[in-house]
Amino acid sequence: MWPNALTTLNAISDTAGTAMVCVNERGVHLATTPNMDEIGRRFVDENWSERNSRGQLAFEKGLVGVSRFATGEELFAPGEQDMDPMTSELFRPYGFGFVAGFIVELPHGDTVIMNVEQYQTKGPIGGKSLDRLNALYPVLARAATLSARASIQHARTAVEALAAIGIPAAAVTPTGRVVLANEAFSEASHIWTTRGGDRIGLHDRVAAKMLIGALETLELARSPRSIPVRANAGGAVSAVVQVVPVRRAAHDIFGSTDAILILSEQKSQATDATLIQSLFDLTPAEIAVAQSVTAGLSVGDIAQSSGRSIETIRSQLKGAMAKTGSSRQLELALLMRQLGRPAGP
């Protein structure tokens, strides 16, 4: 959506290219017009967000949140832009060099920077080009706000869907800040609490360290990770916290939510195969093996009753554990019981 919208913005305003930067707890993410893809990659790889002179000057001069585009001539004194490292090293090698943009701070922690570039041969952005950009400011700001809200709503839908079937769940950022939690998760004060900045903290110190590590490596995670929780140090596992990465589209640059936490505690329930398959993409065979393990059967028992080899059962069990992020069969059993329905006829 955004690359096409930004290309249209340039066509309407007779400008050269656009980059939209979103900074939040997930880091720095960009959407650009195709002719600025390489600049976008360099902006992230070379850490230009930490030395963004344009952004710094916008904050210093009170131009953040103004309902219009500010130009480079407002940011820089005469002659300063030629000496600006970002301009000379990042933009002018590609033929750009004159800018108009805005910065808006959105709810839930997103800061959006809209950066419209003009070719150096055409000179500063002004006149009709600037008028057209300013006319489009309300549309762009509203679209960014709605995109940020949609990201939050995506997490809320997942958490509330789990609440509807009685499963404690919360949406968190990479730093562990709780964005939202359903009532069942909020009531599990014997498992977790909040610390500085609304960041989640597990009472089990070992589990707490594992959760921090899981959140720090979310970008590399391709499957959920399971964290066993003990009521007492060295005691039996009483619960499991499942860290499920939030899948995003390539151009979904908004929102800090990076994971859904699912809390699993021991319950006498039969597992719901449809729910488990939708959450973790298990095959029917993997679900059947996981259900059998939850019922207390050994690998040998399952092989004998199903007529399959022990190697096949082990492979299917390994697949189920990997997809659910379980490191032990006990963790898998706890999760399966939590993601269940009341046992009955």
Protein backbone atom coordinates (compact mmCIF):
# COMPACT_ATOMS: atom_id res chain seq x y z
CA MET A 1 0.00 0.00 0.00
CA TRP A 2 2.48 2.65 1.15
CA PRO A 3 5.05 2.47 -1.70
CA ASN A 4 2.25 3.01 -4.24
CA ALA A 5 0.73 5.83 -2.17
CA LEU A 6 4.10 7.56 -1.87
CA THR A 7 4.71 7.28 -5.62
CA THR A 8 1.32 8.91 -6.23
CA LEU A 9 2.25 11.67 -3.77
CA ASN A 10 5.34 12.46 -5.85
CA ALA A 11 3.35 12.50 -9.08
CA ILE A 12 0.79 14.93 -7.66
CA SER A 13 3.38 17.27 -6.16
CA ASP A 14 5.96 17.01 -8.98
CA THR A 15 8.64 15.82 -6.56
CA ALA A 16 11.28 13.12 -6.96
CA GLY A 17 10.94 10.49 -4.23
CA THR A 18 9.60 9.83 -0.75
CA ALA A 19 10.63 7.85 2.30
CA MET A 20 8.36 7.35 5.29
CA VAL A 21 10.15 6.31 8.48
CA CYS A 22 8.40 4.84 11.51
CA VAL A 23 10.35 4.65 14.76
CA ASN A 24 8.98 2.58 17.63
CA GLU A 25 10.04 -0.11 20.09
CA ARG A 26 10.49 -2.56 17.22
CA GLY A 27 13.17 -0.27 15.81
CA VAL A 28 13.36 1.78 12.62
CA HIS A 29 11.22 0.72 9.65
CA LEU A 30 10.73 2.37 6.27
CA ALA A 31 8.42 2.48 3.30
CA THR A 32 9.90 4.16 0.22
CA THR A 33 9.27 4.85 -3.42
CA PRO A 34 11.26 2.42 -5.62
CA ASN A 35 13.85 5.06 -6.53
CA MET A 36 14.72 5.46 -2.85
CA ASP A 37 14.97 1.78 -1.89
CA GLU A 38 18.77 1.88 -1.73
CA ILE A 39 18.72 5.04 0.39
CA GLY A 40 16.25 3.34 2.72
CA ARG A 41 18.51 0.32 3.15
CA ARG A 42 21.50 2.54 3.84
CA PHE A 43 19.49 4.64 6.30
CA VAL A 44 18.90 1.54 8.42
CA ASP A 45 22.19 -0.30 7.84
CA GLU A 46 24.37 2.77 8.46
CA ASN A 47 22.33 3.85 11.49
CA TRP A 48 21.41 7.29 10.12
CA SER A 49 18.47 7.44 12.52
CA GLU A 50 20.98 8.11 15.31
CA ARG A 51 22.45 11.08 13.43
CA ASN A 52 19.40 12.43 11.66
CA SER A 53 20.21 16.13 11.56
CA ARG A 54 16.93 16.96 9.83
CA GLY A 55 14.86 15.33 12.56
CA GLN A 56 16.95 16.90 15.30
CA LEU A 57 16.52 20.37 13.82
CA ALA A 58 12.76 19.85 13.44
CA PHE A 59 12.51 19.11 17.17
CA GLU A 60 14.77 22.03 18.09
CA LYS A 61 12.78 24.50 15.98
CA GLY A 62 9.34 23.38 17.15
CA LEU A 63 8.32 21.94 13.80
CA VAL A 64 7.21 18.54 15.15
CA GLY A 65 3.46 18.11 15.01
CA VAL A 66 2.78 21.18 12.88
CA SER A 67 -0.01 20.49 10.38
CA ARG A 68 2.02 21.08 7.24
CA PHE A 69 5.25 20.20 5.47
CA ALA A 70 8.39 22.00 6.64
CA THR A 71 11.12 22.61 4.05
CA GLY A 72 14.86 22.18 4.28
CA GLU A 73 15.19 25.94 4.01
CA GLU A 74 13.28 26.25 7.32
CA LEU A 75 15.55 23.72 8.99
CA PHE A 76 18.94 24.91 7.77
CA ALA A 77 20.50 28.36 7.69
CA PRO A 78 21.79 29.48 4.26
CA GLY A 79 24.75 27.28 3.27
CA GLU A 80 24.27 24.78 6.12
CA GLN A 81 22.47 22.17 4.03
CA ASP A 82 25.47 21.81 1.72
CA MET A 83 27.59 20.83 4.74
CA ASP A 84 25.00 18.51 6.27
CA PRO A 85 26.36 14.92 6.28
CA MET A 86 22.96 13.32 5.70
CA THR A 87 22.32 15.53 2.68
CA SER A 88 25.80 15.23 1.16
CA GLU A 89 26.47 11.55 1.91
CA LEU A 90 23.05 9.92 1.76
CA PHE A 91 20.86 11.90 -0.65
CA ARG A 92 22.99 13.87 -3.11
CA PRO A 93 24.90 10.85 -4.47
CA TYR A 94 21.52 9.73 -5.85
CA GLY A 95 20.64 13.12 -7.33
CA PHE A 96 18.40 14.28 -4.49
CA GLY A 97 19.15 17.01 -1.99
CA PHE A 98 16.17 19.28 -1.36
CA VAL A 99 13.56 18.18 1.15
CA ALA A 100 10.13 18.88 2.61
CA GLY A 101 8.63 16.77 5.34
CA PHE A 102 6.81 16.44 8.63
CA ILE A 103 7.12 14.54 11.90
CA VAL A 104 4.07 13.34 13.81
CA GLU A 105 4.00 11.41 17.08
CA LEU A 106 1.18 8.86 17.13
CA PRO A 107 -0.52 7.07 20.03
CA HIS A 108 1.09 3.87 21.33
CA GLY A 109 4.61 5.14 20.68
CA ASP A 110 4.98 5.44 16.89
CA THR A 111 6.92 8.45 15.56
CA VAL A 112 6.41 8.95 11.81
CA ILE A 113 8.78 10.98 9.65
CA MET A 114 7.63 11.82 6.12
CA ASN A 115 10.56 12.80 3.91
CA VAL A 116 9.80 14.10 0.38
CA GLU A 117 12.85 14.67 -1.84
CA GLN A 118 13.36 16.84 -4.90
CA TYR A 119 16.07 16.42 -7.52
CA GLN A 120 19.04 18.70 -6.91
CA THR A 121 18.75 20.03 -10.47
CA LYS A 122 15.20 21.30 -9.76
CA GLY A 123 16.03 23.29 -6.65
CA PRO A 124 14.16 23.65 -3.33
CA ILE A 125 10.58 22.45 -2.90
CA GLY A 126 8.23 25.42 -2.97
CA GLY A 127 5.40 27.06 -4.91
CA LYS A 128 2.75 24.71 -6.27
CA SER A 129 4.68 21.60 -5.22
CA LEU A 130 4.67 22.67 -1.58
CA ASP A 131 1.03 23.81 -1.78
CA ARG A 132 0.00 20.38 -3.07
CA LEU A 133 1.97 18.61 -0.36
CA ASN A 134 0.35 20.75 2.32
CA ALA A 135 -3.09 20.06 0.86
CA LEU A 136 -2.39 16.34 1.24
CA TYR A 137 -1.00 16.61 4.79
CA PRO A 138 -4.34 15.81 6.54
CA VAL A 139 -4.84 12.73 4.36
CA LEU A 140 -1.32 11.44 5.00
CA ALA A 141 -1.41 12.08 8.75
CA ARG A 142 -4.80 10.37 9.05
CA ALA A 143 -3.65 7.38 6.98
CA ALA A 144 -0.61 6.95 9.22
CA THR A 145 -2.79 7.17 12.33
CA LEU A 146 -5.25 4.61 10.97
CA SER A 147 -2.41 2.26 10.02
CA ALA A 148 -1.02 2.47 13.54
CA ARG A 149 -4.47 1.78 14.98
CA ALA A 150 -4.90 -1.19 12.64
CA SER A 151 -1.69 -2.69 13.97
CA ILE A 152 -2.96 -2.39 17.55
CA GLN A 153 -6.35 -3.78 16.52
CA HIS A 154 -4.68 -6.82 14.97
CA ALA A 155 -3.10 -7.64 18.33
CA ARG A 156 -6.32 -6.85 20.20
CA THR A 157 -8.29 -9.23 17.97
CA ALA A 158 -5.87 -12.08 18.70
CA VAL A 159 -5.90 -11.45 22.46
CA GLU A 160 -9.69 -11.11 22.63
CA ALA A 161 -10.23 -14.22 20.50
CA LEU A 162 -8.18 -16.20 23.00
CA ALA A 163 -10.12 -14.58 25.85
CA ALA A 164 -13.37 -15.80 24.30
CA ILE A 165 -12.26 -19.39 24.86
CA GLY A 166 -10.81 -18.71 28.30
CA ILE A 167 -7.13 -18.51 27.42
CA PRO A 168 -4.96 -15.89 29.19
CA ALA A 169 -3.07 -13.82 26.62
CA ALA A 170 -1.28 -10.48 26.29
CA ALA A 171 0.33 -8.46 23.51
CA VAL A 172 3.83 -7.18 24.28
CA THR A 173 6.60 -5.16 22.65
CA PRO A 174 10.21 -6.35 22.20
CA THR A 175 11.11 -4.61 25.46
CA GLY A 176 8.36 -6.48 27.32
CA ARG A 177 5.95 -3.57 27.64
CA VAL A 178 2.41 -4.87 27.93
CA VAL A 179 0.33 -3.18 25.21
CA LEU A 180 -2.87 -4.97 26.18
CA ALA A 181 -3.91 -8.07 28.10
CA ASN A 182 -7.18 -9.93 28.41
CA GLU A 183 -8.85 -10.33 31.79
CA ALA A 184 -7.66 -13.90 32.31
CA PHE A 185 -4.03 -12.86 31.82
CA SER A 186 -4.43 -9.77 34.00
CA GLU A 187 -5.76 -11.93 36.83
CA ALA A 188 -2.71 -14.24 36.80
CA SER A 189 -0.86 -12.10 39.35
CA HIS A 190 0.66 -15.24 40.86
CA ILE A 191 2.60 -15.67 37.60
CA TRP A 192 3.54 -12.14 36.55
CA THR A 193 3.66 -8.49 37.51
CA THR A 194 4.69 -5.23 35.85
CA ARG A 195 7.92 -3.40 36.49
CA GLY A 196 9.33 -0.11 35.21
CA GLY A 197 7.53 1.23 32.15
CA ASP A 198 4.71 -1.34 32.30
CA ARG A 199 7.19 -4.09 31.38
CA ILE A 200 6.18 -7.61 32.23
CA GLY A 201 8.11 -9.49 34.88
CA LEU A 202 7.65 -13.14 35.80
CA HIS A 203 7.93 -14.02 39.48
CA ASP A 204 10.04 -17.05 38.53
CA ARG A 205 13.46 -15.43 38.05
CA VAL A 206 14.79 -18.13 35.75
CA ALA A 207 11.68 -17.90 33.57
CA ALA A 208 11.91 -14.09 33.65
CA LYS A 209 15.43 -14.22 32.15
CA MET A 210 14.26 -16.67 29.50
CA LEU A 211 11.37 -14.36 28.57
CA ILE A 212 13.71 -11.38 28.19
CA GLY A 213 15.94 -13.46 25.91
CA ALA A 214 12.98 -14.65 23.85
CA LEU A 215 11.71 -11.10 23.33
CA GLU A 216 15.18 -9.82 22.41
CA THR A 217 15.48 -12.41 19.63
CA LEU A 218 11.95 -12.10 18.22
CA GLU A 219 13.15 -10.90 14.82
CA LEU A 220 15.00 -14.20 14.37
CA ALA A 221 12.15 -16.35 15.68
CA ARG A 222 10.20 -18.37 13.13
CA SER A 223 8.14 -20.32 15.64
CA PRO A 224 6.79 -19.90 19.17
CA ARG A 225 9.04 -20.38 22.15
CA SER A 226 7.94 -22.11 25.33
CA ILE A 227 9.06 -20.89 28.77
CA PRO A 228 8.42 -23.18 31.76
CA VAL A 229 7.34 -21.39 34.95
CA ARG A 230 7.81 -22.78 38.45
CA ALA A 231 6.07 -21.59 41.60
CA ASN A 232 9.21 -22.38 43.60
CA ALA A 233 12.87 -22.56 42.60
CA GLY A 234 13.69 -26.11 41.58
CA GLY A 235 10.05 -27.15 41.86
CA ALA A 236 7.75 -28.72 39.31
CA VAL A 237 6.59 -26.78 36.25
CA SER A 238 3.25 -25.19 37.12
CA ALA A 239 2.70 -23.15 33.97
CA VAL A 240 4.12 -22.39 30.56
CA VAL A 241 4.35 -18.98 28.87
CA GLN A 242 4.22 -19.31 25.11
CA VAL A 243 5.90 -16.49 23.15
CA VAL A 244 4.21 -16.35 19.73
CA PRO A 245 5.81 -13.91 17.23
CA VAL A 246 3.41 -11.57 15.44
CA ARG A 247 3.64 -12.12 11.69
CA ARG A 248 3.75 -8.91 9.65
CA ALA A 249 3.59 -7.96 6.00
CA ALA A 250 6.74 -6.48 4.49
CA HIS A 251 5.37 -2.92 4.48
CA ASP A 252 3.67 -3.10 7.89
CA ILE A 253 5.96 -0.54 9.51
CA PHE A 254 3.62 0.62 12.28
CA GLY A 255 3.08 -0.66 15.80
CA SER A 256 5.43 -1.92 18.50
CA THR A 257 3.59 -5.15 19.30
CA ASP A 258 5.92 -8.02 18.43
CA ALA A 259 4.55 -11.02 20.29
CA ILE A 260 1.47 -12.56 21.85
CA LEU A 261 2.08 -14.25 25.20
CA ILE A 262 -0.15 -17.24 25.95
CA LEU A 263 -0.26 -18.46 29.54
CA SER A 264 -0.88 -22.18 29.99
CA GLU A 265 -1.70 -23.67 33.38
CA GLN A 266 -2.73 -27.21 34.28
CA LYS A 267 -6.37 -27.90 33.45
CA SER A 268 -8.42 -31.07 33.09
CA GLN A 269 -9.52 -30.54 29.53
CA ALA A 270 -9.52 -32.34 26.22
CA THR A 271 -7.55 -30.52 23.56
CA ASP A 272 -9.31 -28.75 20.70
CA ALA A 273 -7.60 -29.89 17.50
CA THR A 274 -9.04 -27.08 15.34
CA LEU A 275 -7.74 -24.36 17.65
CA ILE A 276 -4.30 -25.93 17.98
CA GLN A 277 -3.98 -26.36 14.23
CA SER A 278 -4.95 -22.73 13.56
CA LEU A 279 -2.52 -21.37 16.15
CA PHE A 280 0.53 -23.49 15.40
CA ASP A 281 -0.04 -25.04 11.95
CA LEU A 282 0.32 -28.61 13.23
CA THR A 283 -0.49 -31.48 10.88
CA PRO A 284 -3.31 -33.86 11.88
CA ALA A 285 -0.69 -36.52 12.70
CA GLU A 286 1.26 -34.10 14.90
CA ILE A 287 -1.93 -33.10 16.72
CA ALA A 288 -2.84 -36.75 17.31
CA VAL A 289 0.59 -37.51 18.78
CA ALA A 290 0.49 -34.40 20.96
CA GLN A 291 -2.97 -35.35 22.24
CA SER A 292 -1.74 -38.85 23.06
CA VAL A 293 1.27 -37.51 24.96
CA THR A 294 -1.07 -35.19 26.86
CA ALA A 295 -3.17 -38.23 27.78
CA GLY A 296 -0.08 -39.81 29.34
CA LEU A 297 0.90 -42.28 26.61
CA SER A 298 4.54 -42.98 25.83
CA VAL A 299 6.06 -42.93 22.35
CA GLY A 300 6.02 -46.72 22.36
CA ASP A 301 2.36 -46.82 23.39
CA ILE A 302 1.39 -44.43 20.61
CA ALA A 303 3.35 -46.41 18.01
CA GLN A 304 1.75 -49.68 19.07
CA SER A 305 -1.79 -48.34 19.13
CA SER A 306 -1.48 -46.49 15.83
CA GLY A 307 0.47 -49.11 13.90
CA ARG A 308 3.24 -46.68 13.07
CA SER A 309 6.94 -46.98 13.79
CA ILE A 310 8.56 -45.47 16.87
CA GLU A 311 10.76 -43.37 14.55
CA THR A 312 7.67 -41.91 12.86
CA ILE A 313 6.03 -41.08 16.18
CA ARG A 314 9.22 -39.46 17.46
CA SER A 315 9.48 -37.38 14.29
CA GLN A 316 5.87 -36.22 14.60
CA LEU A 317 6.32 -35.44 18.30
CA LYS A 318 9.48 -33.49 17.49
CA GLY A 319 7.56 -31.52 14.87
CA ALA A 320 4.74 -30.71 17.30
CA MET A 321 7.20 -29.58 19.97
CA ALA A 322 9.16 -27.40 17.52
CA LYS A 323 6.06 -25.69 16.14
CA THR A 324 4.66 -24.97 19.62
CA GLY A 325 8.03 -23.92 21.03
CA SER A 326 8.00 -26.67 23.64
CA SER A 327 11.36 -27.96 24.82
CA ARG A 328 9.92 -30.81 26.90
CA GLN A 329 6.91 -33.10 26.64
CA LEU A 330 5.55 -31.71 29.91
CA GLU A 331 5.45 -28.20 28.42
CA LEU A 332 3.63 -29.53 25.37
CA ALA A 333 1.10 -31.33 27.59
CA LEU A 334 0.45 -28.19 29.66
CA LEU A 335 -0.08 -26.14 26.52
CA MET A 336 -2.41 -28.72 24.99
CA ARG A 337 -4.53 -28.85 28.13
CA GLN A 338 -4.77 -25.06 28.22
CA LEU A 339 -5.77 -24.83 24.56
CA GLY A 340 -8.69 -27.14 25.14
CA ARG A 341 -12.39 -27.49 25.71
CA PRO A 342 -14.15 -28.89 28.75
CA ALA A 343 -13.96 -32.67 28.67
CA GLY A 344 -17.29 -34.37 28.25
CA PRO A 345 -19.46 -36.58 26.06
